[in-house]
Amino acid sequence: MGESYKEAFVDAVSEIIAQDIEDRPERIAAIHGLTEAYVEDIGERPDAAQLERLADYILREELADPNPYKMTHEEYPFMSEWQFELRRDRETGMKAAEHAGTDGRDHRKPTKRRRTNYENWRVDKDAHGRNKARQDQYKRDTSPGPLITYSLRDTGGEFKPEFTEARTQAGRWHRLLAQG
């Protein structure tokens, strides 16, 4: 006998919700009348799941409000289940805020990241390549040039232009060194 009353109450709750009453005081009055009639007839409170459905029906405007700022704009705000889950998903733990300042910077003591084996290998490989190029260039720059012999008899006692140009260049370098 109790099961048929519970099923009848579930149907009655569905009917009230289907009426889609716009005025909240009217909704509250209809729900109050239904629950009081159930308690008088059966002598016990209705099922908690049905009471939750009725409470959600009373608060449908607040629960359906998608405004993300309602927690700051309303005096007594509350969230629906999906809004609460969304808020919980967006929050971060206190561990993230331990070292963060109000300026948004991380104020932990900076630590140097250790390079991976690949990074060390790559740095060494690149350095060896650069060192080889530098070594080759140094060898070219410091190696003696070909030995050129001049005979003043062949030129009639005149120095060749290569010799005199090198001498004037050496004089310029000498003056620059003396100034600096």
Protein backbone atom coordinates (compact mmCIF):
# COMPACT_ATOMS: atom_id res chain seq x y z
CA MET A 1 0.00 0.00 0.00
CA GLY A 2 2.92 2.35 0.79
CA GLU A 3 4.53 1.78 -2.60
CA SER A 4 1.41 2.86 -4.51
CA TYR A 5 1.30 6.08 -2.48
CA LYS A 6 4.95 6.75 -3.24
CA GLU A 7 4.37 6.17 -6.94
CA ALA A 8 1.31 8.41 -6.81
CA PHE A 9 3.40 11.12 -5.11
CA VAL A 10 6.07 10.84 -7.83
CA ASP A 11 3.33 11.34 -10.45
CA ALA A 12 1.89 14.29 -8.49
CA VAL A 13 5.35 15.93 -8.29
CA SER A 14 5.79 15.47 -12.05
CA GLU A 15 2.37 17.04 -12.68
CA ILE A 16 3.16 20.12 -10.53
CA ILE A 17 6.49 20.58 -12.31
CA ALA A 18 4.76 20.17 -15.68
CA GLN A 19 2.35 23.00 -14.78
CA ASP A 20 5.35 25.37 -15.06
CA ILE A 21 3.96 27.97 -12.63
CA GLU A 22 5.69 31.33 -13.19
CA ASP A 23 4.91 33.00 -9.85
CA ARG A 24 7.17 31.69 -7.05
CA PRO A 25 4.66 32.19 -4.19
CA GLU A 26 2.09 30.19 -6.20
CA ARG A 27 4.67 27.43 -6.78
CA ILE A 28 5.48 27.35 -3.07
CA ALA A 29 1.78 27.19 -2.14
CA ALA A 30 1.12 24.31 -4.57
CA ILE A 31 4.15 22.36 -3.30
CA HIS A 32 3.25 23.04 0.34
CA GLY A 33 -0.31 21.77 -0.24
CA LEU A 34 0.97 18.60 -1.94
CA THR A 35 3.47 17.74 0.78
CA GLU A 36 1.02 18.49 3.60
CA ALA A 37 -1.59 16.23 1.98
CA TYR A 38 0.98 13.45 1.67
CA VAL A 39 2.02 13.75 5.33
CA GLU A 40 -1.64 13.75 6.50
CA ASP A 41 -2.53 10.70 4.38
CA ILE A 42 0.58 8.57 4.94
CA GLY A 43 1.88 9.91 8.25
CA GLU A 44 5.52 10.23 7.13
CA ARG A 45 7.63 12.60 5.09
CA PRO A 46 7.86 12.16 1.33
CA ASP A 47 10.89 10.56 -0.31
CA ALA A 48 14.03 12.76 -0.23
CA ALA A 49 14.52 12.51 -3.99
CA GLN A 50 11.03 13.92 -4.60
CA LEU A 51 11.56 16.70 -2.05
CA GLU A 52 14.77 17.61 -3.88
CA ARG A 53 12.89 17.79 -7.18
CA LEU A 54 10.34 20.12 -5.58
CA ALA A 55 13.07 22.31 -4.04
CA ASP A 56 14.76 22.59 -7.44
CA TYR A 57 11.40 23.57 -8.92
CA ILE A 58 10.99 26.34 -6.33
CA LEU A 59 14.49 27.67 -7.05
CA ARG A 60 14.45 27.17 -10.82
CA GLU A 61 15.31 30.82 -11.66
CA GLU A 62 18.46 30.73 -9.54
CA LEU A 63 19.50 27.28 -10.70
CA ALA A 64 19.01 28.16 -14.36
CA ASP A 65 20.83 31.52 -14.11
CA PRO A 66 23.96 31.09 -16.27
CA ASN A 67 25.52 34.39 -15.14
CA PRO A 68 29.13 33.57 -14.15
CA TYR A 69 29.24 36.63 -11.86
CA LYS A 70 26.17 35.85 -9.79
CA MET A 71 28.37 34.89 -6.84
CA THR A 72 29.58 38.49 -6.60
CA HIS A 73 26.47 40.32 -7.81
CA GLU A 74 23.77 38.70 -5.68
CA GLU A 75 23.30 38.99 -1.95
CA TYR A 76 22.60 35.31 -1.22
CA PRO A 77 23.79 33.38 -4.25
CA PHE A 78 23.95 29.63 -4.67
CA MET A 79 24.99 27.43 -7.54
CA SER A 80 23.45 24.50 -9.32
CA GLU A 81 25.36 21.24 -9.37
CA TRP A 82 26.91 21.87 -12.80
CA GLN A 83 27.90 25.40 -11.79
CA PHE A 84 29.50 24.09 -8.61
CA GLU A 85 31.43 21.42 -10.53
CA LEU A 86 32.56 24.02 -13.07
CA ARG A 87 33.76 26.31 -10.28
CA ARG A 88 35.59 23.47 -8.55
CA ASP A 89 37.29 22.52 -11.85
CA ARG A 90 38.47 26.10 -12.38
CA GLU A 91 39.91 26.51 -8.89
CA THR A 92 43.52 25.74 -8.08
CA GLY A 93 44.91 24.36 -4.87
CA MET A 94 46.73 26.37 -2.24
CA LYS A 95 49.99 24.73 -3.30
CA ALA A 96 49.99 26.91 -6.41
CA ALA A 97 49.61 30.06 -4.30
CA GLU A 98 52.32 29.28 -1.74
CA HIS A 99 55.04 31.24 -3.50
CA ALA A 100 52.98 33.51 -5.73
CA GLY A 101 52.96 37.19 -4.80
CA THR A 102 50.15 39.66 -5.29
CA ASP A 103 52.08 40.94 -8.29
CA GLY A 104 51.64 37.54 -9.95
CA ARG A 105 55.33 36.67 -9.85
CA ASP A 106 56.79 33.47 -8.45
CA HIS A 107 58.97 34.43 -5.47
CA ARG A 108 60.63 31.07 -4.87
CA LYS A 109 64.39 30.86 -4.80
CA PRO A 110 65.34 30.31 -8.42
CA THR A 111 66.86 26.95 -9.20
CA LYS A 112 68.87 26.08 -12.24
CA ARG A 113 67.40 23.36 -14.39
CA ARG A 114 69.74 20.50 -15.13
CA ARG A 115 70.28 19.81 -18.81
CA THR A 116 69.14 16.52 -20.24
CA ASN A 117 71.65 14.11 -21.75
CA TYR A 118 70.46 15.07 -25.22
CA GLU A 119 70.95 18.78 -24.50
CA ASN A 120 74.47 18.14 -23.19
CA TRP A 121 75.30 16.06 -26.25
CA ARG A 122 73.92 18.74 -28.58
CA VAL A 123 75.85 21.55 -26.85
CA ASP A 124 79.07 19.52 -27.02
CA LYS A 125 78.53 18.65 -30.69
CA ASP A 126 77.85 22.28 -31.62
CA ALA A 127 80.85 23.48 -29.59
CA HIS A 128 83.15 20.95 -31.27
CA GLY A 129 81.94 22.12 -34.68
CA ARG A 130 82.52 25.77 -33.81
CA ASN A 131 85.92 24.99 -32.28
CA LYS A 132 86.98 23.11 -35.43
CA ALA A 133 85.96 26.07 -37.61
CA ARG A 134 87.81 28.50 -35.33
CA GLN A 135 90.88 26.29 -35.29
CA ASP A 136 90.92 26.09 -39.08
CA GLN A 137 90.54 29.88 -39.40
CA TYR A 138 93.32 30.48 -36.86
CA LYS A 139 95.61 28.13 -38.75
CA ARG A 140 94.93 30.01 -41.99
CA ASP A 141 95.50 33.39 -40.31
CA THR A 142 98.75 32.50 -38.56
CA SER A 143 100.39 30.27 -41.13
CA PRO A 144 103.26 31.88 -43.02
CA GLY A 145 102.54 32.91 -46.54
CA PRO A 146 104.52 31.74 -49.51
CA LEU A 147 108.09 32.90 -49.58
CA ILE A 148 108.58 35.46 -52.29
CA THR A 149 112.10 36.46 -53.13
CA TYR A 150 112.91 39.73 -54.75
CA SER A 151 116.01 40.59 -56.58
CA LEU A 152 116.72 44.28 -56.80
CA ARG A 153 118.82 43.53 -59.86
CA ASP A 154 115.74 42.29 -61.70
CA THR A 155 113.71 45.40 -60.84
CA GLY A 156 116.47 47.87 -61.43
CA GLY A 157 116.85 48.68 -57.75
CA GLU A 158 113.14 49.44 -57.26
CA PHE A 159 110.97 47.75 -54.66
CA LYS A 160 107.90 45.97 -55.94
CA PRO A 161 104.49 47.54 -55.07
CA GLU A 162 103.56 44.60 -52.81
CA PHE A 163 106.56 45.34 -50.61
CA THR A 164 105.96 49.07 -50.36
CA GLU A 165 102.23 48.62 -49.70
CA ALA A 166 102.97 46.23 -46.87
CA ARG A 167 105.42 48.73 -45.42
CA THR A 168 102.85 51.59 -45.47
CA GLN A 169 100.23 49.33 -43.90
CA ALA A 170 102.67 48.41 -41.13
CA GLY A 171 103.31 52.11 -40.53
CA ARG A 172 99.55 52.75 -40.18
CA TRP A 173 99.22 49.96 -37.62
CA HIS A 174 102.19 51.31 -35.70
CA ARG A 175 100.65 54.81 -35.52
CA LEU A 176 97.28 53.40 -34.40
CA LEU A 177 98.94 51.40 -31.64
CA ALA A 178 100.89 54.45 -30.49
CA GLN A 179 97.68 56.54 -30.29
CA GLY A 180 95.56 53.96 -28.45
